[in-house]
Amino acid sequence: MIKELYSVILTEDIPNLNLKKGDIGSVVLVHNNGEGYEVEFITLGGDTIAVTTLFPSQIRMIQEMEIANARPIELLAA
């Protein structure tokens, strides 16, 4: 079960937030025993890119034999 403060991986693109499948986020809140999750995505420099509510199907746990990958992002116009 995914808990608060766990790192998770996005399983699909979320274009309106400039998030891509494979991006790593941190769970900041679990809704209704895992019916949804509030997840924060940050740059490697520590800047928050997005905090969004996601369904369980949109995230997954990190697997033991995976490696992180960095990608540049463009900030969306406010």
N, C-alpha and C. Protein backbone atom coordinates (compact mmCIF):
# COMPACT_ATOMS: atom_id res chain seq x y z
N MET A 1 0.84 -1.19 0.00
CA MET A 1 0.00 0.00 0.00
C MET A 1 0.88 1.25 0.00
N ILE A 2 0.50 2.20 -0.79
CA ILE A 2 1.24 3.46 -0.88
C ILE A 2 0.87 4.34 0.31
N LYS A 3 1.87 4.87 0.97
CA LYS A 3 1.66 5.71 2.16
C LYS A 3 2.24 7.11 1.94
N GLU A 4 1.89 8.02 2.84
CA GLU A 4 2.43 9.37 2.79
C GLU A 4 3.96 9.32 2.87
N LEU A 5 4.60 10.21 2.13
CA LEU A 5 6.04 10.38 2.02
C LEU A 5 6.71 9.34 1.13
N TYR A 6 5.96 8.39 0.58
CA TYR A 6 6.53 7.44 -0.38
C TYR A 6 6.82 8.15 -1.69
N SER A 7 7.88 7.77 -2.34
CA SER A 7 8.15 8.21 -3.70
C SER A 7 7.41 7.27 -4.64
N VAL A 8 6.76 7.85 -5.66
CA VAL A 8 5.99 7.07 -6.62
C VAL A 8 6.33 7.51 -8.03
N ILE A 9 5.94 6.67 -9.00
CA ILE A 9 6.21 6.96 -10.40
C ILE A 9 4.89 7.15 -11.13
N LEU A 10 4.84 8.19 -11.93
CA LEU A 10 3.65 8.49 -12.73
C LEU A 10 3.53 7.46 -13.85
N THR A 11 2.31 6.93 -14.07
CA THR A 11 2.11 5.89 -15.08
C THR A 11 1.52 6.42 -16.38
N GLU A 12 1.24 7.72 -16.44
CA GLU A 12 0.71 8.33 -17.66
C GLU A 12 1.09 9.80 -17.72
N ASP A 13 1.13 10.35 -18.91
CA ASP A 13 1.39 11.78 -19.07
C ASP A 13 0.22 12.59 -18.54
N ILE A 14 0.53 13.77 -17.96
CA ILE A 14 -0.49 14.74 -17.58
C ILE A 14 -0.06 16.05 -18.23
N PRO A 15 -0.45 16.25 -19.49
CA PRO A 15 0.05 17.38 -20.29
C PRO A 15 -0.23 18.75 -19.70
N ASN A 16 -1.39 18.94 -19.08
CA ASN A 16 -1.71 20.28 -18.55
C ASN A 16 -0.81 20.68 -17.38
N LEU A 17 -0.10 19.72 -16.79
CA LEU A 17 0.83 20.02 -15.70
C LEU A 17 2.28 19.82 -16.13
N ASN A 18 2.50 19.50 -17.42
CA ASN A 18 3.83 19.25 -17.96
C ASN A 18 4.51 18.07 -17.28
N LEU A 19 3.72 17.07 -16.89
CA LEU A 19 4.25 15.86 -16.27
C LEU A 19 4.24 14.73 -17.29
N LYS A 20 5.26 13.88 -17.23
CA LYS A 20 5.40 12.78 -18.18
C LYS A 20 5.43 11.44 -17.43
N LYS A 21 4.94 10.42 -18.12
CA LYS A 21 5.02 9.07 -17.60
C LYS A 21 6.47 8.80 -17.18
N GLY A 22 6.64 8.28 -15.99
CA GLY A 22 7.98 8.01 -15.47
C GLY A 22 8.50 9.05 -14.51
N ASP A 23 7.85 10.23 -14.46
CA ASP A 23 8.27 11.26 -13.49
C ASP A 23 8.06 10.73 -12.07
N ILE A 24 8.95 11.13 -11.18
CA ILE A 24 8.91 10.69 -9.79
C ILE A 24 8.34 11.80 -8.92
N GLY A 25 7.38 11.44 -8.07
CA GLY A 25 6.79 12.39 -7.15
C GLY A 25 6.74 11.83 -5.74
N SER A 26 6.38 12.67 -4.79
CA SER A 26 6.26 12.26 -3.40
C SER A 26 4.82 12.40 -2.95
N VAL A 27 4.30 11.36 -2.32
CA VAL A 27 2.94 11.38 -1.80
C VAL A 27 2.91 12.28 -0.57
N VAL A 28 2.07 13.31 -0.59
CA VAL A 28 1.95 14.21 0.54
C VAL A 28 0.66 14.00 1.31
N LEU A 29 -0.31 13.28 0.71
CA LEU A 29 -1.57 13.00 1.39
C LEU A 29 -2.23 11.80 0.73
N VAL A 30 -2.76 10.90 1.56
CA VAL A 30 -3.52 9.75 1.07
C VAL A 30 -4.99 10.03 1.33
N HIS A 31 -5.83 9.94 0.28
CA HIS A 31 -7.26 10.19 0.41
C HIS A 31 -8.01 8.87 0.59
N ASN A 32 -8.90 8.82 1.57
CA ASN A 32 -9.83 7.69 1.77
C ASN A 32 -9.16 6.32 1.64
N ASN A 33 -8.13 6.09 2.44
CA ASN A 33 -7.44 4.80 2.46
C ASN A 33 -6.96 4.34 1.09
N GLY A 34 -6.47 5.25 0.28
CA GLY A 34 -5.87 4.89 -1.00
C GLY A 34 -6.77 5.05 -2.21
N GLU A 35 -7.92 5.71 -2.06
CA GLU A 35 -8.78 5.98 -3.22
C GLU A 35 -8.18 7.06 -4.12
N GLY A 36 -7.28 7.86 -3.56
CA GLY A 36 -6.60 8.91 -4.30
C GLY A 36 -5.38 9.36 -3.53
N TYR A 37 -4.50 10.07 -4.21
CA TYR A 37 -3.25 10.52 -3.61
C TYR A 37 -2.94 11.93 -4.05
N GLU A 38 -2.52 12.76 -3.11
CA GLU A 38 -1.98 14.08 -3.42
C GLU A 38 -0.48 13.88 -3.59
N VAL A 39 0.03 14.22 -4.77
CA VAL A 39 1.44 13.95 -5.08
C VAL A 39 2.12 15.24 -5.50
N GLU A 40 3.31 15.47 -4.95
CA GLU A 40 4.10 16.65 -5.30
C GLU A 40 5.25 16.21 -6.22
N PHE A 41 5.43 16.98 -7.29
CA PHE A 41 6.52 16.75 -8.23
C PHE A 41 7.46 17.94 -8.16
N ILE A 42 8.75 17.69 -7.98
CA ILE A 42 9.73 18.77 -7.85
C ILE A 42 10.89 18.56 -8.82
N THR A 43 11.59 19.66 -9.12
CA THR A 43 12.81 19.57 -9.92
C THR A 43 13.93 19.03 -9.03
N LEU A 44 15.03 18.64 -9.65
CA LEU A 44 16.18 18.18 -8.88
C LEU A 44 16.77 19.31 -8.03
N GLY A 45 16.46 20.56 -8.40
CA GLY A 45 16.90 21.71 -7.63
C GLY A 45 15.98 22.05 -6.46
N GLY A 46 14.87 21.33 -6.33
CA GLY A 46 13.98 21.52 -5.19
C GLY A 46 12.78 22.41 -5.43
N ASP A 47 12.57 22.87 -6.68
CA ASP A 47 11.41 23.72 -6.98
C ASP A 47 10.20 22.85 -7.29
N THR A 48 9.07 23.19 -6.69
CA THR A 48 7.84 22.44 -6.94
C THR A 48 7.32 22.76 -8.33
N ILE A 49 7.04 21.72 -9.11
CA ILE A 49 6.46 21.85 -10.44
C ILE A 49 4.95 21.71 -10.37
N ALA A 50 4.47 20.75 -9.58
CA ALA A 50 3.04 20.52 -9.47
C ALA A 50 2.72 19.75 -8.20
N VAL A 51 1.56 20.03 -7.66
CA VAL A 51 0.96 19.22 -6.60
C VAL A 51 -0.43 18.91 -7.11
N THR A 52 -0.74 17.62 -7.25
CA THR A 52 -1.99 17.24 -7.88
C THR A 52 -2.56 15.98 -7.25
N THR A 53 -3.87 15.82 -7.34
CA THR A 53 -4.53 14.62 -6.86
C THR A 53 -4.58 13.60 -7.99
N LEU A 54 -4.17 12.38 -7.68
CA LEU A 54 -4.10 11.32 -8.68
C LEU A 54 -4.83 10.07 -8.20
N PHE A 55 -5.36 9.31 -9.15
CA PHE A 55 -5.98 8.03 -8.84
C PHE A 55 -4.89 6.97 -8.70
N PRO A 56 -5.18 5.86 -8.02
CA PRO A 56 -4.18 4.79 -7.88
C PRO A 56 -3.65 4.28 -9.23
N SER A 57 -4.47 4.30 -10.26
CA SER A 57 -4.04 3.83 -11.58
C SER A 57 -3.02 4.77 -12.23
N GLN A 58 -2.87 5.98 -11.70
CA GLN A 58 -1.97 6.96 -12.30
C GLN A 58 -0.57 6.97 -11.69
N ILE A 59 -0.38 6.19 -10.63
CA ILE A 59 0.94 6.11 -9.98
C ILE A 59 1.24 4.66 -9.65
N ARG A 60 2.52 4.41 -9.41
CA ARG A 60 2.93 3.08 -8.96
C ARG A 60 4.14 3.22 -8.05
N MET A 61 4.40 2.16 -7.30
CA MET A 61 5.57 2.12 -6.43
C MET A 61 6.84 2.00 -7.28
N ILE A 62 7.94 2.45 -6.73
CA ILE A 62 9.24 2.30 -7.37
C ILE A 62 9.68 0.84 -7.20
N GLN A 63 10.20 0.26 -8.27
CA GLN A 63 10.69 -1.12 -8.24
C GLN A 63 12.16 -1.13 -7.85
N GLU A 64 12.62 -2.22 -7.29
CA GLU A 64 13.98 -2.32 -6.77
C GLU A 64 15.06 -2.10 -7.82
N MET A 65 14.89 -2.62 -9.00
CA MET A 65 15.94 -2.55 -10.02
C MET A 65 15.65 -1.48 -11.08
N GLU A 66 15.22 -0.30 -10.65
CA GLU A 66 14.98 0.83 -11.55
C GLU A 66 16.01 1.92 -11.28
N ILE A 67 16.24 2.73 -12.30
CA ILE A 67 17.17 3.85 -12.17
C ILE A 67 16.44 5.13 -12.57
N ALA A 68 16.71 6.21 -11.87
CA ALA A 68 16.09 7.50 -12.19
C ALA A 68 16.71 8.10 -13.44
N ASN A 69 15.94 8.94 -14.13
CA ASN A 69 16.39 9.60 -15.34
C ASN A 69 15.96 11.07 -15.26
N ALA A 70 16.83 11.98 -15.63
CA ALA A 70 16.50 13.40 -15.58
C ALA A 70 16.07 13.88 -16.95
N ARG A 71 15.15 14.86 -16.98
CA ARG A 71 14.71 15.48 -18.23
C ARG A 71 14.49 16.96 -17.99
N PRO A 72 14.79 17.79 -18.97
CA PRO A 72 14.51 19.23 -18.83
C PRO A 72 13.01 19.46 -18.97
N ILE A 73 12.51 20.50 -18.33
CA ILE A 73 11.10 20.86 -18.45
C ILE A 73 10.98 22.33 -18.81
N GLU A 74 9.86 22.66 -19.39
CA GLU A 74 9.54 24.06 -19.62
C GLU A 74 8.39 24.41 -18.70
N LEU A 75 8.52 25.50 -17.97
CA LEU A 75 7.45 25.92 -17.10
C LEU A 75 6.28 26.41 -17.93
N LEU A 76 5.09 26.05 -17.52
CA LEU A 76 3.89 26.47 -18.22
C LEU A 76 3.57 27.91 -17.86
N ALA A 77 3.03 28.66 -18.79
CA ALA A 77 2.63 30.04 -18.52
C ALA A 77 1.49 30.05 -17.52
N ALA A 78 1.54 30.98 -16.59
CA ALA A 78 0.51 31.07 -15.55
C ALA A 78 -0.71 31.80 -16.08
